[in-house]
PDB file of N, CA and C in Angstrom:
ATOM      1  N   MET A   1     110.508 115.924-110.348  1.00  0.00           N
ATOM      2  CA  MET A   1     111.693 115.755-112.342  1.00  0.00           C
ATOM      3  C   MET A   1     112.197 113.652-112.175  1.00  0.00           C
ATOM      4  N   PRO A   2     110.979 112.815-112.914  1.00  0.00           N
ATOM      5  CA  PRO A   2     111.519 111.755-112.527  1.00  0.00           C
ATOM      6  C   PRO A   2     112.808 111.916-113.344  1.00  0.00           C
ATOM      7  N   ARG A   3     113.917 110.069-112.828  1.00  0.00           N
ATOM      8  CA  ARG A   3     115.179 109.610-112.602  1.00  0.00           C
ATOM      9  C   ARG A   3     115.038 109.546-113.924  1.00  0.00           C
ATOM     10  N   ILE A   4     116.079 109.868-114.757  1.00  0.00           N
ATOM     11  CA  ILE A   4     116.345 108.869-116.008  1.00  0.00           C
ATOM     12  C   ILE A   4     117.425 108.093-115.458  1.00  0.00           C
ATOM     13  N   THR A   5     117.089 106.437-116.083  1.00  0.00           N
ATOM     14  CA  THR A   5     118.223 105.180-115.857  1.00  0.00           C
ATOM     15  C   THR A   5     119.245 104.978-116.847  1.00  0.00           C
ATOM     16  N   SER A   6     119.554 104.284-116.808  1.00  0.00           N
ATOM     17  CA  SER A   6     120.992 103.758-117.977  1.00  0.00           C
ATOM     18  C   SER A   6     119.677 103.113-118.336  1.00  0.00           C
ATOM     19  N   ASP A   7     118.908 102.534-117.954  1.00  0.00           N
ATOM     20  CA  ASP A   7     118.656 101.295-118.738  1.00  0.00           C
ATOM     21  C   ASP A   7     117.475 101.974-119.298  1.00  0.00           C
ATOM     22  N   THR A   8     116.796 103.101-119.389  1.00  0.00           N
ATOM     23  CA  THR A   8     115.933 104.309-120.028  1.00  0.00           C
ATOM     24  C   THR A   8     117.624 104.446-121.282  1.00  0.00           C
ATOM     25  N   LEU A   9     118.174 104.487-121.464  1.00  0.00           N
ATOM     26  CA  LEU A   9     119.321 105.340-122.281  1.00  0.00           C
ATOM     27  C   LEU A   9     119.672 104.549-122.924  1.00  0.00           C
ATOM     28  N   TYR A  10     119.735 102.983-123.112  1.00  0.00           N
ATOM     29  CA  TYR A  10     119.410 102.202-123.889  1.00  0.00           C
ATOM     30  C   TYR A  10     119.938 102.847-125.493  1.00  0.00           C
ATOM     31  N   GLY A  11     120.976 102.434-126.322  1.00  0.00           N
ATOM     32  CA  GLY A  11     121.050 103.112-127.260  1.00  0.00           C
ATOM     33  C   GLY A  11     121.990 104.017-127.731  1.00  0.00           C
ATOM     34  N   THR A  12     121.078 104.605-126.581  1.00  0.00           N
ATOM     35  CA  THR A  12     121.810 106.788-126.201  1.00  0.00           C
ATOM     36  C   THR A  12     122.809 106.920-125.473  1.00  0.00           C
ATOM     37  N   LEU A  13     123.286 106.163-125.368  1.00  0.00           N
ATOM     38  CA  LEU A  13     124.680 105.618-123.941  1.00  0.00           C
ATOM     39  C   LEU A  13     125.672 106.280-124.729  1.00  0.00           C
ATOM     40  N   ASN A  14     125.887 105.277-125.820  1.00  0.00           N
ATOM     41  CA  ASN A  14     127.547 105.841-126.729  1.00  0.00           C
ATOM     42  C   ASN A  14     127.919 107.215-127.118  1.00  0.00           C
ATOM     43  N   LEU A  15     126.485 107.704-127.392  1.00  0.00           N
ATOM     44  CA  LEU A  15     126.700 109.273-128.104  1.00  0.00           C
ATOM     45  C   LEU A  15     126.944 110.418-126.347  1.00  0.00           C
ATOM     46  N   LEU A  16     126.156 109.749-125.313  1.00  0.00           N
ATOM     47  CA  LEU A  16     126.522 110.959-124.396  1.00  0.00           C
ATOM     48  C   LEU A  16     127.636 111.028-124.087  1.00  0.00           C
ATOM     49  N   ILE A  17     128.480 109.743-124.252  1.00  0.00           N
ATOM     50  CA  ILE A  17     129.270 109.088-123.756  1.00  0.00           C
ATOM     51  C   ILE A  17     130.649 110.171-124.712  1.00  0.00           C
ATOM     52  N   LEU A  18     130.768 110.178-126.174  1.00  0.00           N
ATOM     53  CA  LEU A  18     131.123 110.626-126.424  1.00  0.00           C
ATOM     54  C   LEU A  18     131.100 112.393-126.814  1.00  0.00           C
ATOM     55  N   ARG A  19     129.477 113.240-126.255  1.00  0.00           N
ATOM     56  CA  ARG A  19     129.803 113.967-126.075  1.00  0.00           C
ATOM     57  C   ARG A  19     130.150 114.822-125.065  1.00  0.00           C
ATOM     58  N   ALA A  20     130.356 113.873-123.647  1.00  0.00           N
ATOM     59  CA  ALA A  20     131.369 114.409-122.279  1.00  0.00           C
ATOM     60  C   ALA A  20     132.345 114.065-122.814  1.00  0.00           C
ATOM     61  N   LEU A  21     132.286 113.702-123.650  1.00  0.00           N
ATOM     62  CA  LEU A  21     134.202 113.258-123.824  1.00  0.00           C
ATOM     63  C   LEU A  21     135.259 114.890-125.395  1.00  0.00           C
ATOM     64  N   ALA A  22     133.805 115.777-125.841  1.00  0.00           N
ATOM     65  CA  ALA A  22     134.293 115.916-127.063  1.00  0.00           C
ATOM     66  C   ALA A  22     135.216 117.254-126.560  1.00  0.00           C
ATOM     67  N   ASP A  23     135.446 117.715-124.784  1.00  0.00           N
ATOM     68  CA  ASP A  23     136.017 118.692-124.598  1.00  0.00           C
ATOM     69  C   ASP A  23     137.695 118.499-124.038  1.00  0.00           C
ATOM     70  N   GLY A  24     137.680 117.257-124.366  1.00  0.00           N
ATOM     71  CA  GLY A  24     138.614 116.546-123.754  1.00  0.00           C
ATOM     72  C   GLY A  24     139.097 115.101-122.390  1.00  0.00           C
ATOM     73  N   ALA A  25     139.800 114.946-122.864  1.00  0.00           N
ATOM     74  CA  ALA A  25     140.044 113.746-121.992  1.00  0.00           C
ATOM     75  C   ALA A  25     139.143 113.514-120.290  1.00  0.00           C
ATOM     76  N   LEU A  26     138.474 112.528-120.163  1.00  0.00           N
ATOM     77  CA  LEU A  26     137.943 112.845-118.431  1.00  0.00           C
ATOM     78  C   LEU A  26     138.416 111.084-117.777  1.00  0.00           C
ATOM     79  N   HIS A  27     138.275 110.623-117.311  1.00  0.00           N
ATOM     80  CA  HIS A  27     138.128 109.497-116.026  1.00  0.00           C
ATOM     81  C   HIS A  27     136.922 109.006-116.176  1.00  0.00           C
ATOM     82  N   GLY A  28     136.474 107.579-115.898  1.00  0.00           N
ATOM     83  CA  GLY A  28     134.792 106.978-115.690  1.00  0.00           C
ATOM     84  C   GLY A  28     134.215 108.224-114.895  1.00  0.00           C
ATOM     85  N   LEU A  29     134.072 108.198-113.742  1.00  0.00           N
ATOM     86  CA  LEU A  29     133.980 108.372-112.882  1.00  0.00           C
ATOM     87  C   LEU A  29     133.964 110.724-112.961  1.00  0.00           C
ATOM     88  N   ALA A  30     134.397 111.398-114.168  1.00  0.00           N
ATOM     89  CA  ALA A  30     134.271 112.768-114.433  1.00  0.00           C
ATOM     90  C   ALA A  30     133.515 112.408-115.585  1.00  0.00           C
ATOM     91  N   ILE A  31     132.780 111.592-116.154  1.00  0.00           N
ATOM     92  CA  ILE A  31     132.116 111.167-117.225  1.00  0.00           C
ATOM     93  C   ILE A  31     130.859 111.238-116.660  1.00  0.00           C
ATOM     94  N   GLN A  32     130.511 110.294-115.653  1.00  0.00           N
ATOM     95  CA  GLN A  32     129.650 110.169-115.196  1.00  0.00           C
ATOM     96  C   GLN A  32     128.772 111.551-114.511  1.00  0.00           C
ATOM     97  N   ARG A  33     130.094 111.825-113.574  1.00  0.00           N
ATOM     98  CA  ARG A  33     129.449 113.380-113.087  1.00  0.00           C
ATOM     99  C   ARG A  33     128.993 114.598-114.184  1.00  0.00           C
ATOM    100  N   SER A  34     129.897 114.481-115.311  1.00  0.00           N
ATOM    101  CA  SER A  34     130.038 115.478-116.233  1.00  0.00           C
ATOM    102  C   SER A  34     128.369 115.363-116.669  1.00  0.00           C
ATOM    103  N   LEU A  35     127.528 113.795-116.958  1.00  0.00           N
ATOM    104  CA  LEU A  35     126.268 113.722-117.821  1.00  0.00           C
ATOM    105  C   LEU A  35     125.446 114.180-116.725  1.00  0.00           C
ATOM    106  N   HIS A  36     126.034 113.843-115.097  1.00  0.00           N
ATOM    107  CA  HIS A  36     124.739 113.957-114.578  1.00  0.00           C
ATOM    108  C   HIS A  36     124.398 115.606-114.437  1.00  0.00           C
ATOM    109  N   ALA A  37     125.875 115.862-114.954  1.00  0.00           N
ATOM    110  CA  ALA A  37     125.622 117.821-114.133  1.00  0.00           C
ATOM    111  C   ALA A  37     124.887 118.577-115.923  1.00  0.00           C
ATOM    112  N   ALA A  38     125.464 118.071-116.520  1.00  0.00           N
ATOM    113  CA  ALA A  38     124.829 118.236-118.015  1.00  0.00           C
ATOM    114  C   ALA A  38     122.905 118.246-117.895  1.00  0.00           C
ATOM    115  N   SER A  39     122.790 116.722-117.576  1.00  0.00           N
ATOM    116  CA  SER A  39     121.388 116.555-117.907  1.00  0.00           C
ATOM    117  C   SER A  39     120.413 117.415-116.740  1.00  0.00           C
ATOM    118  N   GLU A  40     121.122 118.448-115.393  1.00  0.00           N
ATOM    119  CA  GLU A  40     120.634 119.380-114.784  1.00  0.00           C
ATOM    120  C   GLU A  40     120.016 117.830-113.093  1.00  0.00           C
ATOM    121  N   ALA A  41     121.178 117.183-113.522  1.00  0.00           N
ATOM    122  CA  ALA A  41     120.561 115.685-112.492  1.00  0.00           C
ATOM    123  C   ALA A  41     119.501 114.919-112.534  1.00  0.00           C
ATOM    124  N   THR A  42     119.553 114.699-114.152  1.00  0.00           N
ATOM    125  CA  THR A  42     118.150 113.622-114.588  1.00  0.00           C
ATOM    126  C   THR A  42     119.010 112.620-115.370  1.00  0.00           C
ATOM    127  N   LEU A  43     120.141 112.599-115.834  1.00  0.00           N
ATOM    128  CA  LEU A  43     121.029 111.178-115.897  1.00  0.00           C
ATOM    129  C   LEU A  43     121.127 110.546-115.224  1.00  0.00           C
ATOM    130  N   SER A  44     121.662 109.646-114.610  1.00  0.00           N
ATOM    131  CA  SER A  44     122.145 108.431-113.093  1.00  0.00           C
ATOM    132  C   SER A  44     122.931 107.376-114.256  1.00  0.00           C
ATOM    133  N   ILE A  45     124.114 107.393-114.837  1.00  0.00           N
ATOM    134  CA  ILE A  45     124.572 105.941-115.853  1.00  0.00           C
ATOM    135  C   ILE A  45     125.292 105.074-114.495  1.00  0.00           C
ATOM    136  N   ASP A  46     124.098 104.292-114.356  1.00  0.00           N
ATOM    137  CA  ASP A  46     125.103 103.234-113.505  1.00  0.00           C
ATOM    138  C   ASP A  46     127.032 102.754-114.406  1.00  0.00           C
ATOM    139  N   GLU A  47     127.927 102.932-113.280  1.00  0.00           N
ATOM    140  CA  GLU A  47     129.114 102.264-113.596  1.00  0.00           C
ATOM    141  C   GLU A  47     128.883 101.090-114.480  1.00  0.00           C
ATOM    142  N   GLY A  48     127.654 100.164-114.415  1.00  0.00           N
ATOM    143  CA  GLY A  48     127.255  98.567-114.891  1.00  0.00           C
ATOM    144  C   GLY A  48     127.274  98.468-116.547  1.00  0.00           C
ATOM    145  N   ALA A  49     127.109 100.196-116.532  1.00  0.00           N
ATOM    146  CA  ALA A  49     126.492 100.286-117.952  1.00  0.00           C
ATOM    147  C   ALA A  49     127.247 101.445-118.788  1.00  0.00           C
ATOM    148  N   LEU A  50     128.438 101.828-117.379  1.00  0.00           N
ATOM    149  CA  LEU A  50     129.358 102.989-117.971  1.00  0.00           C
ATOM    150  C   LEU A  50     130.355 102.713-118.852  1.00  0.00           C
ATOM    151  N   TYR A  51     131.036 101.541-117.703  1.00  0.00           N
ATOM    152  CA  TYR A  51     132.161 100.694-118.337  1.00  0.00           C
ATOM    153  C   TYR A  51     132.255  99.845-119.254  1.00  0.00           C
ATOM    154  N   PRO A  52     131.126  98.879-119.422  1.00  0.00           N
ATOM    155  CA  PRO A  52     131.255  98.252-121.062  1.00  0.00           C
ATOM    156  C   PRO A  52     131.376  98.957-122.110  1.00  0.00           C
ATOM    157  N   ALA A  53     130.635 100.468-121.590  1.00  0.00           N
ATOM    158  CA  ALA A  53     130.276 100.999-123.342  1.00  0.00           C
ATOM    159  C   ALA A  53     131.275 101.405-123.483  1.00  0.00           C
ATOM    160  N   LEU A  54     132.287 102.024-122.458  1.00  0.00           N
ATOM    161  CA  LEU A  54     133.914 102.887-122.877  1.00  0.00           C
ATOM    162  C   LEU A  54     134.344 101.662-123.239  1.00  0.00           C
ATOM    163  N   HIS A  55     134.517 100.276-123.065  1.00  0.00           N
ATOM    164  CA  HIS A  55     135.181  99.717-123.390  1.00  0.00           C
ATOM    165  C   HIS A  55     134.957  99.128-124.650  1.00  0.00           C
ATOM    166  N   ARG A  56     133.891  99.265-125.174  1.00  0.00           N
ATOM    167  CA  ARG A  56     132.822  99.057-127.082  1.00  0.00           C
ATOM    168  C   ARG A  56     133.653  99.798-127.168  1.00  0.00           C
ATOM    169  N   LEU A  57     133.960 101.404-126.680  1.00  0.00           N
ATOM    170  CA  LEU A  57     133.861 102.539-127.770  1.00  0.00           C
ATOM    171  C   LEU A  57     135.409 102.260-127.949  1.00  0.00           C
ATOM    172  N   GLU A  58     135.628 101.916-126.986  1.00  0.00           N
ATOM    173  CA  GLU A  58     137.637 101.762-127.767  1.00  0.00           C
ATOM    174  C   GLU A  58     137.823 100.891-128.535  1.00  0.00           C
ATOM    175  N   ARG A  59     137.039  99.618-128.475  1.00  0.00           N
ATOM    176  CA  ARG A  59     137.255  98.652-129.073  1.00  0.00           C
ATOM    177  C   ARG A  59     136.909  99.121-130.528  1.00  0.00           C
ATOM    178  N   ASP A  60     136.022  99.544-130.727  1.00  0.00           N
ATOM    179  CA  ASP A  60     135.508 100.110-131.920  1.00  0.00           C
ATOM    180  C   ASP A  60     136.688 101.454-132.712  1.00  0.00           C
ATOM    181  N   GLY A  61     137.498 101.420-131.804  1.00  0.00           N
ATOM    182  CA  GLY A  61     138.795 102.798-132.817  1.00  0.00           C
ATOM    183  C   GLY A  61     137.893 104.265-132.208  1.00  0.00           C
ATOM    184  N   LEU A  62     136.670 104.581-131.907  1.00  0.00           N
ATOM    185  CA  LEU A  62     135.819 105.605-131.295  1.00  0.00           C
ATOM    186  C   LEU A  62     136.515 106.813-129.858  1.00  0.00           C
ATOM    187  N   LEU A  63     137.244 105.706-129.248  1.00  0.00           N
ATOM    188  CA  LEU A  63     137.966 106.329-128.171  1.00  0.00           C
ATOM    189  C   LEU A  63     139.796 105.445-128.484  1.00  0.00           C
ATOM    190  N   ASP A  64     140.303 106.596-127.630  1.00  0.00           N
ATOM    191  CA  ASP A  64     141.472 106.147-127.092  1.00  0.00           C
ATOM    192  C   ASP A  64     141.947 106.817-125.738  1.00  0.00           C
ATOM    193  N   ALA A  65     142.842 105.333-124.632  1.00  0.00           N
ATOM    194  CA  ALA A  65     142.593 105.503-123.438  1.00  0.00           C
ATOM    195  C   ALA A  65     144.113 104.950-122.620  1.00  0.00           C
ATOM    196  N   GLU A  66     144.133 105.548-121.899  1.00  0.00           N
ATOM    197  CA  GLU A  66     145.684 105.729-121.101  1.00  0.00           C
ATOM    198  C   GLU A  66     145.595 106.195-119.866  1.00  0.00           C
ATOM    199  N   TRP A  67     146.514 105.383-118.946  1.00  0.00           N
ATOM    200  CA  TRP A  67     146.058 105.153-117.981  1.00  0.00           C
ATOM    201  C   TRP A  67     146.991 107.295-117.434  1.00  0.00           C
ATOM    202  N   GLY A  68     146.501 107.478-116.461  1.00  0.00           N
ATOM    203  CA  GLY A  68     147.180 108.565-115.617  1.00  0.00           C
ATOM    204  C   GLY A  68     146.582 108.792-114.492  1.00  0.00           C
ATOM    205  N   THR A  69     146.620 109.905-113.470  1.00  0.00           N
ATOM    206  CA  THR A  69     146.362 110.123-111.960  1.00  0.00           C
ATOM    207  C   THR A  69     145.072 111.900-111.803  1.00  0.00           C
ATOM    208  N   SER A  70     144.063 110.449-111.609  1.00  0.00           N
ATOM    209  CA  SER A  70     142.943 111.370-111.146  1.00  0.00           C
ATOM    210  C   SER A  70     143.447 113.026-109.982  1.00  0.00           C
ATOM    211  N   GLU A  71     142.053 113.488-109.894  1.00  0.00           N
ATOM    212  CA  GLU A  71     142.111 114.600-109.773  1.00  0.00           C
ATOM    213  C   GLU A  71     142.398 114.786-107.636  1.00  0.00           C
ATOM    214  N   ASN A  72     142.041 113.416-107.427  1.00  0.00           N
ATOM    215  CA  ASN A  72     142.226 112.413-105.882  1.00  0.00           C
ATOM    216  C   ASN A  72     143.299 111.875-105.503  1.00  0.00           C
ATOM    217  N   ASN A  73     144.317 112.031-107.156  1.00  0.00           N
ATOM    218  CA  ASN A  73     145.395 111.777-107.136  1.00  0.00           C
ATOM    219  C   ASN A  73     145.247 109.429-107.112  1.00  0.00           C
ATOM    220  N   ARG A  74     144.101 109.182-107.660  1.00  0.00           N
ATOM    221  CA  ARG A  74     144.069 108.242-107.798  1.00  0.00           C
ATOM    222  C   ARG A  74     144.331 107.462-109.223  1.00  0.00           C
ATOM    223  N   ARG A  75     145.101 106.284-109.674  1.00  0.00           N
ATOM    224  CA  ARG A  75     145.232 106.325-110.755  1.00  0.00           C
ATOM    225  C   ARG A  75     144.359 105.922-111.276  1.00  0.00           C
ATOM    226  N   ALA A  76     143.619 106.958-112.675  1.00  0.00           N
ATOM    227  CA  ALA A  76     142.454 106.541-113.799  1.00  0.00           C
ATOM    228  C   ALA A  76     143.082 106.109-114.967  1.00  0.00           C
ATOM    229  N   LYS A  77     142.178 105.700-115.384  1.00  0.00           N
ATOM    230  CA  LYS A  77     142.529 105.160-116.853  1.00  0.00           C
ATOM    231  C   LYS A  77     141.301 106.687-117.541  1.00  0.00           C
ATOM    232  N   PHE A  78     142.380 107.433-118.368  1.00  0.00           N
ATOM    233  CA  PHE A  78     141.311 108.467-119.180  1.00  0.00           C
ATOM    234  C   PHE A  78     141.287 108.140-120.809  1.00  0.00           C
ATOM    235  N   TYR A  79     139.553 109.069-120.588  1.00  0.00           N
ATOM    236  CA  TYR A  79     139.481 108.910-122.169  1.00  0.00           C
ATOM    237  C   TYR A  79     139.769 109.663-123.176  1.00  0.00           C
ATOM    238  N   ARG A  80     139.665 109.510-124.242  1.00  0.00           N
ATOM    239  CA  ARG A  80     139.781 110.718-125.708  1.00  0.00           C
ATOM    240  C   ARG A  80     139.214 110.223-126.093  1.00  0.00           C
ATOM    241  N   LEU A  81     138.068 111.192-127.406  1.00  0.00           N
ATOM    242  CA  LEU A  81     138.126 110.672-128.485  1.00  0.00           C
ATOM    243  C   LEU A  81     138.876 110.653-129.440  1.00  0.00           C
ATOM    244  N   THR A  82     138.990 110.159-130.475  1.00  0.00           N
ATOM    245  CA  THR A  82     139.944 109.511-131.811  1.00  0.00           C
ATOM    246  C   THR A  82     139.223 110.580-132.543  1.00  0.00           C
ATOM    247  N   ALA A  83     139.569 110.639-133.783  1.00  0.00           N
ATOM    248  CA  ALA A  83     138.798 111.027-134.626  1.00  0.00           C
ATOM    249  C   ALA A  83     137.733 110.604-135.534  1.00  0.00           C
ATOM    250  N   ASP A  84     137.934 109.427-135.919  1.00  0.00           N
ATOM    251  CA  ASP A  84     136.597 109.414-136.201  1.00  0.00           C
ATOM    252  C   ASP A  84     135.625 108.763-134.778  1.00  0.00           C
ATOM    253  N   GLY A  85     135.924 109.049-133.591  1.00  0.00           N
ATOM    254  CA  GLY A  85     135.264 109.032-132.618  1.00  0.00           C
ATOM    255  C   GLY A  85     134.630 110.480-132.750  1.00  0.00           C
ATOM    256  N   ARG A  86     135.066 111.028-133.735  1.00  0.00           N
ATOM    257  CA  ARG A  86     134.411 113.105-133.004  1.00  0.00           C
ATOM    258  C   ARG A  86     133.968 113.048-134.796  1.00  0.00           C
ATOM    259  N   HIS A  87     134.038 112.537-135.821  1.00  0.00           N
ATOM    260  CA  HIS A  87     133.042 112.499-137.361  1.00  0.00           C
ATOM    261  C   HIS A  87     131.879 111.007-136.211  1.00  0.00           C
ATOM    262  N   HIS A  88     132.098 110.647-135.458  1.00  0.00           N
ATOM    263  CA  HIS A  88     130.355 109.286-135.438  1.00  0.00           C
ATOM    264  C   HIS A  88     129.956 110.525-134.329  1.00  0.00           C
ATOM    265  N   LEU A  89     130.235 111.502-134.024  1.00  0.00           N
ATOM    266  CA  LEU A  89     129.611 111.684-132.454  1.00  0.00           C
ATOM    267  C   LEU A  89     128.859 113.086-133.619  1.00  0.00           C
ATOM    268  N   GLU A  90     129.118 113.909-133.614  1.00  0.00           N
ATOM    269  CA  GLU A  90     128.930 114.852-135.440  1.00  0.00           C
ATOM    270  C   GLU A  90     127.516 113.748-136.193  1.00  0.00           C
ATOM    271  N   ARG A  91     127.262 112.505-136.687  1.00  0.00           N
ATOM    272  CA  ARG A  91     126.547 111.971-137.634  1.00  0.00           C
ATOM    273  C   ARG A  91     125.490 111.730-136.476  1.00  0.00           C
ATOM    274  N   GLU A  92     126.329 111.119-136.016  1.00  0.00           N
ATOM    275  CA  GLU A  92     124.977 110.440-134.528  1.00  0.00           C
ATOM    276  C   GLU A  92     124.050 111.827-133.851  1.00  0.00           C
ATOM    277  N   THR A  93     124.600 112.872-134.071  1.00  0.00           N
ATOM    278  CA  THR A  93     123.999 113.944-133.498  1.00  0.00           C
ATOM    279  C   THR A  93     123.286 113.933-134.250  1.00  0.00           C
ATOM    280  N   ASP A  94     123.397 114.621-135.280  1.00  0.00           N
ATOM    281  CA  ASP A  94     122.263 114.929-136.493  1.00  0.00           C
ATOM    282  C   ASP A  94     121.357 113.910-136.536  1.00  0.00           C
ATOM    283  N   LYS A  95     121.627 112.982-136.432  1.00  0.00           N
ATOM    284  CA  LYS A  95     120.619 111.296-136.290  1.00  0.00           C
ATOM    285  C   LYS A  95     119.253 111.810-135.776  1.00  0.00           C
ATOM    286  N   TRP A  96     120.271 111.950-134.369  1.00  0.00           N
ATOM    287  CA  TRP A  96     119.674 112.087-132.768  1.00  0.00           C
ATOM    288  C   TRP A  96     118.940 113.193-132.711  1.00  0.00           C
ATOM    289  N   VAL A  97     119.021 114.441-133.620  1.00  0.00           N
ATOM    290  CA  VAL A  97     117.791 115.825-133.323  1.00  0.00           C
ATOM    291  C   VAL A  97     116.701 115.674-135.285  1.00  0.00           C
ATOM    292  N   THR A  98     117.175 114.625-135.861  1.00  0.00           N
ATOM    293  CA  THR A  98     116.000 114.828-136.404  1.00  0.00           C
ATOM    294  C   THR A  98     114.895 112.881-135.847  1.00  0.00           C
ATOM    295  N   HIS A  99     115.241 112.546-135.612  1.00  0.00           N
ATOM    296  CA  HIS A  99     114.898 111.429-134.900  1.00  0.00           C
ATOM    297  C   HIS A  99     114.070 111.913-132.940  1.00  0.00           C
ATOM    298  N   VAL A 100     114.664 113.243-132.495  1.00  0.00           N
ATOM    299  CA  VAL A 100     113.903 113.328-131.504  1.00  0.00           C
ATOM    300  C   VAL A 100     112.734 114.051-132.275  1.00  0.00           C
ATOM    301  N   ARG A 101     112.822 115.533-132.869  1.00  0.00           N
ATOM    302  CA  ARG A 101     112.403 116.486-133.592  1.00  0.00           C
ATOM    303  C   ARG A 101     111.272 115.514-134.216  1.00  0.00           C
ATOM    304  N   ALA A 102     111.165 114.336-134.641  1.00  0.00           N
ATOM    305  CA  ALA A 102     110.444 113.677-135.503  1.00  0.00           C
ATOM    306  C   ALA A 102     109.092 112.679-134.559  1.00  0.00           C
ATOM    307  N   VAL A 103     109.791 112.100-133.170  1.00  0.00           N
ATOM    308  CA  VAL A 103     108.351 111.980-132.116  1.00  0.00           C
ATOM    309  C   VAL A 103     108.152 113.317-132.032  1.00  0.00           C
ATOM    310  N   SER A 104     109.053 114.107-131.326  1.00  0.00           N
ATOM    311  CA  SER A 104     108.115 114.775-130.630  1.00  0.00           C
ATOM    312  C   SER A 104     106.866 115.970-131.465  1.00  0.00           C
ATOM    313  N   ARG A 105     107.364 115.601-132.963  1.00  0.00           N
ATOM    314  CA  ARG A 105     106.031 115.422-133.379  1.00  0.00           C
ATOM    315  C   ARG A 105     104.901 115.152-133.315  1.00  0.00           C
ATOM    316  N   ALA A 106     105.357 113.992-133.678  1.00  0.00           N
ATOM    317  CA  ALA A 106     103.873 112.985-133.287  1.00  0.00           C
ATOM    318  C   ALA A 106     103.469 112.367-132.000  1.00  0.00           C
ATOM    319  N   LEU A 107     104.245 113.306-130.879  1.00  0.00           N
ATOM    320  CA  LEU A 107     103.634 113.001-129.736  1.00  0.00           C
ATOM    321  C   LEU A 107     103.195 114.607-129.244  1.00  0.00           C
ATOM    322  N   ARG A 108     103.275 115.256-130.260  1.00  0.00           N
ATOM    323  CA  ARG A 108     102.858 116.921-130.402  1.00  0.00           C
ATOM    324  C   ARG A 108     103.246 117.476-129.379  1.00  0.00           C
ATOM    325  N   VAL A 109     104.448 117.842-129.150  1.00  0.00           N
ATOM    326  CA  VAL A 109     105.422 118.621-127.576  1.00  0.00           C
ATOM    327  C   VAL A 109     105.780 119.717-128.090  1.00  0.00           C
ATOM    328  N   ALA A 110     107.030 119.056-129.920  1.00  0.00           N
ATOM    329  CA  ALA A 110     107.566 119.697-130.395  1.00  0.00           C
ATOM    330  C   ALA A 110     108.331 121.102-130.637  1.00  0.00           C
ATOM    331  N   ALA A 111     106.857 122.174-130.002  1.00  0.00           N
ATOM    332  CA  ALA A 111     106.617 123.148-129.562  1.00  0.00           C
ATOM    333  C   ALA A 111     107.510 123.245-128.394  1.00  0.00           C
ATOM    334  N   VAL A 112     107.781 122.565-127.632  1.00  0.00           N
ATOM    335  CA  VAL A 112     108.399 123.004-126.065  1.00  0.00           C
ATOM    336  C   VAL A 112     109.769 122.252-126.187  1.00  0.00           C
ATOM    337  N   VAL A 113     110.192 120.793-127.420  1.00  0.00           N
ATOM    338  CA  VAL A 113     111.214 120.716-127.581  1.00  0.00           C
ATOM    339  C   VAL A 113     112.103 120.947-128.952  1.00  0.00           C
ATOM    340  N   GLU A 114     111.818 121.800-129.577  1.00  0.00           N
ATOM    341  CA  GLU A 114     112.272 122.307-130.475  1.00  0.00           C
ATOM    342  C   GLU A 114     112.957 123.922-130.625  1.00  0.00           C
ATOM    343  N   GLY A 115     112.652 124.231-129.466  1.00  0.00           N
ATOM    344  CA  GLY A 115     113.833 125.873-129.427  1.00  0.00           C
ATOM    345  C   GLY A 115     114.621 124.614-128.067  1.00  0.00           C
ATOM    346  N   ASP A 116     115.040 123.824-127.677  1.00  0.00           N
ATOM    347  CA  ASP A 116     116.094 123.248-126.961  1.00  0.00           C
ATOM    348  C   ASP A 116     117.007 122.915-128.304  1.00  0.00           C
ATOM    349  N   LEU A 117     116.925 122.221-129.185  1.00  0.00           N
ATOM    350  CA  LEU A 117     117.390 121.888-129.668  1.00  0.00           C
ATOM    351  C   LEU A 117     118.196 122.743-130.850  1.00  0.00           C
ATOM    352  N   PRO A 118     119.245 122.154-131.331  1.00  0.00           N
ATOM    353  CA  PRO A 118     120.485 122.813-132.920  1.00  0.00           C
ATOM    354  C   PRO A 118     119.783 122.384-133.806  1.00  0.00           C
ATOM    355  N   ALA A 119     119.659 123.793-135.389  1.00  0.00           N
ATOM    356  CA  ALA A 119     119.515 123.490-136.037  1.00  0.00           C
ATOM    357  C   ALA A 119     119.973 122.490-136.994  1.00  0.00           C
TER     358      ALA A 119
END
């Protein structure tokens, strides 16, 4: 299966980051690993795309961040969703699902994709 890189994900990276943080605070490397694992090793998010996106999301009030210690006893910045970030995630996920369904139907692959998407 071909790898999907950060360039391919332009416009969806924020949504992916917010989803990765929906279950709790993570540091940057843990977010990278979470997205890689959740995508069954298909998504590969470069640090050069991830960290600017995290900073934008923090600046826009969708994430809070604080310094802590990682599982390797290293200093790391941990990000968590704000209430606005959680609402944004819900709204944007609904939009994304609608978009994917429409494009899938147009490409005539809806039957393949529909079963994998939430209602």
